[in-house]
N, C-alpha and C. Protein backbone atom coordinates (compact mmCIF):
# COMPACT_ATOMS: atom_id res chain seq x y z
N MET A 1 -57.78 86.46 43.82
CA MET A 1 -56.30 85.92 43.83
C MET A 1 -55.62 86.51 42.85
N ASN A 2 -54.06 86.89 43.35
CA ASN A 2 -53.12 87.13 42.62
C ASN A 2 -52.56 86.23 41.57
N GLY A 3 -52.80 86.60 40.36
CA GLY A 3 -51.89 85.71 39.33
C GLY A 3 -50.76 85.11 39.29
N SER A 4 -50.04 85.68 39.96
CA SER A 4 -48.56 85.54 40.16
C SER A 4 -48.14 84.92 41.37
N GLU A 5 -49.34 84.32 42.50
CA GLU A 5 -49.19 83.91 43.48
C GLU A 5 -48.50 82.18 43.05
N ASN A 6 -47.72 81.56 43.88
CA ASN A 6 -47.16 80.06 43.72
C ASN A 6 -48.35 79.36 44.37
N ARG A 7 -49.05 78.40 43.79
CA ARG A 7 -50.15 78.04 44.56
C ARG A 7 -49.54 76.56 45.08
N ASN A 8 -48.26 75.96 44.36
CA ASN A 8 -47.81 74.59 44.95
C ASN A 8 -47.37 74.84 46.38
N HIS A 9 -47.16 75.99 46.69
CA HIS A 9 -46.22 76.74 48.10
C HIS A 9 -47.05 77.40 48.82
N PRO A 10 -47.69 77.56 49.33
CA PRO A 10 -48.57 78.77 49.76
C PRO A 10 -48.04 79.45 51.06
N GLY A 11 -48.07 80.47 51.39
CA GLY A 11 -47.07 80.81 52.60
C GLY A 11 -46.27 81.44 52.59
N ALA A 12 -44.71 81.00 52.96
CA ALA A 12 -43.49 81.67 52.87
C ALA A 12 -43.07 82.14 51.51
N PRO A 13 -42.59 82.90 51.29
CA PRO A 13 -41.92 84.01 50.20
C PRO A 13 -40.98 82.63 49.25
N LYS A 14 -40.68 82.65 48.32
CA LYS A 14 -39.68 82.10 47.85
C LYS A 14 -38.19 82.01 48.34
N ALA A 15 -38.06 83.52 48.45
CA ALA A 15 -36.25 83.65 49.16
C ALA A 15 -36.44 83.45 50.39
N MET A 16 -37.33 83.10 51.01
CA MET A 16 -37.35 82.42 52.76
C MET A 16 -37.25 81.12 52.61
N ARG A 17 -37.92 80.44 51.64
CA ARG A 17 -37.86 78.86 51.78
C ARG A 17 -36.34 78.68 51.22
N LEU A 18 -35.69 79.45 50.35
CA LEU A 18 -34.30 79.34 49.84
C LEU A 18 -33.29 79.32 51.10
N TRP A 19 -33.55 80.49 51.81
CA TRP A 19 -32.49 80.54 52.83
C TRP A 19 -32.70 79.46 53.84
N PHE A 20 -33.90 79.16 54.30
CA PHE A 20 -34.39 78.03 55.28
C PHE A 20 -33.22 76.71 54.58
N GLY A 21 -33.62 76.52 53.09
CA GLY A 21 -33.17 75.26 52.60
C GLY A 21 -31.54 75.39 52.84
N ILE A 22 -30.80 76.41 52.89
CA ILE A 22 -29.73 76.37 53.04
C ILE A 22 -29.13 76.13 54.39
N PHE A 23 -29.90 76.68 55.11
CA PHE A 23 -29.78 76.74 56.58
C PHE A 23 -29.48 75.32 57.22
N MET A 24 -30.78 74.79 56.86
CA MET A 24 -30.65 73.04 57.16
C MET A 24 -29.38 72.09 56.27
N VAL A 25 -29.42 72.63 55.17
CA VAL A 25 -28.16 71.99 54.65
C VAL A 25 -26.52 72.11 55.41
N LEU A 26 -26.59 73.28 55.88
CA LEU A 26 -25.57 73.57 56.74
C LEU A 26 -25.84 73.03 58.34
N ILE A 27 -26.82 72.82 58.88
CA ILE A 27 -27.11 72.12 60.25
C ILE A 27 -26.87 70.53 60.03
N TYR A 28 -27.59 70.07 58.61
CA TYR A 28 -27.13 68.45 58.66
C TYR A 28 -25.52 68.08 58.23
N ILE A 29 -25.04 68.84 57.69
CA ILE A 29 -23.46 69.13 57.34
C ILE A 29 -22.67 68.98 58.75
N GLY A 30 -23.09 70.10 59.28
CA GLY A 30 -22.51 70.22 60.62
C GLY A 30 -22.45 69.41 61.48
N VAL A 31 -23.81 69.15 61.92
CA VAL A 31 -23.99 67.65 62.72
C VAL A 31 -23.49 66.51 62.94
N GLY A 32 -23.27 66.30 60.98
CA GLY A 32 -22.84 64.89 60.79
C GLY A 32 -21.20 65.23 61.10
N LEU A 33 -20.62 66.28 60.99
CA LEU A 33 -18.98 66.56 61.14
C LEU A 33 -18.85 66.32 62.37
N LEU A 34 -20.07 66.88 63.46
CA LEU A 34 -19.95 66.85 65.03
C LEU A 34 -19.77 65.27 65.42
N PHE A 35 -20.66 64.51 65.10
CA PHE A 35 -20.63 62.78 64.90
C PHE A 35 -19.14 62.22 64.42
N PHE A 36 -18.68 62.80 63.55
CA PHE A 36 -17.37 62.12 62.85
C PHE A 36 -16.32 62.67 64.19
N PHE A 37 -16.33 63.94 64.71
CA PHE A 37 -14.96 64.37 65.48
C PHE A 37 -15.63 64.01 67.22
N ASP A 38 -16.72 63.00 67.17
CA ASP A 38 -16.92 62.38 68.29
C ASP A 38 -17.58 63.38 69.80
N VAL A 39 -18.13 64.66 69.00
CA VAL A 39 -18.47 65.56 70.25
C VAL A 39 -19.59 64.93 70.91
N PHE A 40 -20.57 63.93 70.58
CA PHE A 40 -21.27 63.61 71.33
C PHE A 40 -21.23 62.44 72.35
N SER A 41 -19.79 62.28 72.30
CA SER A 41 -19.08 61.05 73.18
C SER A 41 -20.09 59.81 73.25
N ILE A 42 -20.79 59.23 71.97
CA ILE A 42 -21.35 57.93 71.71
C ILE A 42 -19.95 56.85 72.34
N ASP A 43 -20.42 55.73 72.84
CA ASP A 43 -19.39 54.80 72.90
C ASP A 43 -19.23 54.03 71.74
N SER A 44 -20.09 53.79 70.95
CA SER A 44 -19.49 53.01 69.31
C SER A 44 -18.98 53.90 68.45
N ASN A 45 -17.90 53.87 67.88
CA ASN A 45 -17.22 54.76 66.98
C ASN A 45 -18.15 54.34 65.65
N ALA A 46 -18.32 52.85 65.47
CA ALA A 46 -19.01 52.41 64.53
C ALA A 46 -20.48 53.33 63.88
N ILE A 47 -20.88 53.31 65.24
CA ILE A 47 -22.64 54.00 65.17
C ILE A 47 -22.23 55.65 64.83
N SER A 48 -21.33 56.10 65.68
CA SER A 48 -20.77 57.61 65.45
C SER A 48 -20.55 57.64 64.17
N TYR A 49 -19.61 57.08 63.44
CA TYR A 49 -19.10 57.23 62.04
C TYR A 49 -20.46 56.99 60.75
N THR A 50 -21.37 56.12 61.45
CA THR A 50 -22.48 56.17 60.65
C THR A 50 -23.47 56.65 60.62
N VAL A 51 -23.81 57.53 61.46
CA VAL A 51 -24.55 58.70 61.73
C VAL A 51 -24.28 59.95 61.23
N GLY A 52 -23.07 60.33 61.75
CA GLY A 52 -22.28 61.32 60.76
C GLY A 52 -22.29 60.99 59.17
N ALA A 53 -22.00 59.98 58.63
CA ALA A 53 -21.80 59.93 57.41
C ALA A 53 -23.44 60.11 56.69
N LEU A 54 -24.60 59.18 57.35
CA LEU A 54 -25.69 59.62 56.98
C LEU A 54 -26.10 60.98 56.74
N LEU A 55 -25.77 61.67 57.86
CA LEU A 55 -26.45 63.20 57.97
C LEU A 55 -25.61 63.82 56.83
N ILE A 56 -24.28 63.88 56.93
CA ILE A 56 -23.32 64.58 55.39
C ILE A 56 -24.26 64.24 54.11
N LEU A 57 -24.24 62.86 53.93
CA LEU A 57 -24.92 62.54 52.48
C LEU A 57 -26.23 63.25 52.66
N TYR A 58 -27.00 62.98 53.53
CA TYR A 58 -28.41 63.53 53.36
C TYR A 58 -28.42 65.12 53.05
N GLY A 59 -27.19 65.53 53.67
CA GLY A 59 -27.45 67.14 53.71
C GLY A 59 -26.63 67.49 52.30
N ILE A 60 -25.98 66.87 51.54
CA ILE A 60 -25.57 67.16 50.28
C ILE A 60 -26.68 66.61 49.35
N PHE A 61 -27.58 65.78 49.71
CA PHE A 61 -28.41 65.47 48.80
C PHE A 61 -29.51 66.70 48.79
N ARG A 62 -29.82 67.11 49.90
CA ARG A 62 -30.70 68.32 50.25
C ARG A 62 -30.01 69.38 49.50
N GLY A 63 -29.03 69.69 49.37
CA GLY A 63 -28.44 70.51 48.65
C GLY A 63 -28.29 70.70 47.27
N TYR A 64 -28.33 69.67 46.86
CA TYR A 64 -28.45 69.10 45.20
C TYR A 64 -29.73 69.44 45.02
N ARG A 65 -30.71 69.08 45.67
CA ARG A 65 -32.06 69.15 45.59
C ARG A 65 -32.18 70.82 45.51
N LEU A 66 -32.28 71.56 46.61
CA LEU A 66 -31.53 72.94 46.30
C LEU A 66 -31.33 73.25 45.39
N TYR A 67 -30.21 72.82 44.63
CA TYR A 67 -29.51 73.98 43.75
C TYR A 67 -30.37 73.39 42.37
N LYS A 68 -30.94 72.04 42.32
CA LYS A 68 -31.45 72.23 41.08
C LYS A 68 -32.94 72.71 41.22
N GLY A 69 -33.81 72.71 42.17
CA GLY A 69 -35.00 73.30 42.35
C GLY A 69 -34.91 75.08 41.91
N SER A 70 -33.87 75.62 42.49
CA SER A 70 -33.49 76.89 42.28
C SER A 70 -33.34 77.18 40.94
N ASN A 71 -32.84 76.45 39.91
CA ASN A 71 -32.65 76.93 38.68
C ASN A 71 -33.89 77.04 37.90
């Protein structure tokens, strides 16, 4: 075994995990904004805004965790 291998995350290299994390943050925030702009034609605005807000908040949370983990 190589001593420099990261044993906590076998498989994908660190750069690939970082780019995937950034991609997922953008997806969560983007879909949340689509809920706000009523792209999915949900009958109840309250449900649409709630789901949109939760997705945006989760995207921000994931972005924060990604930023703190990359330092």
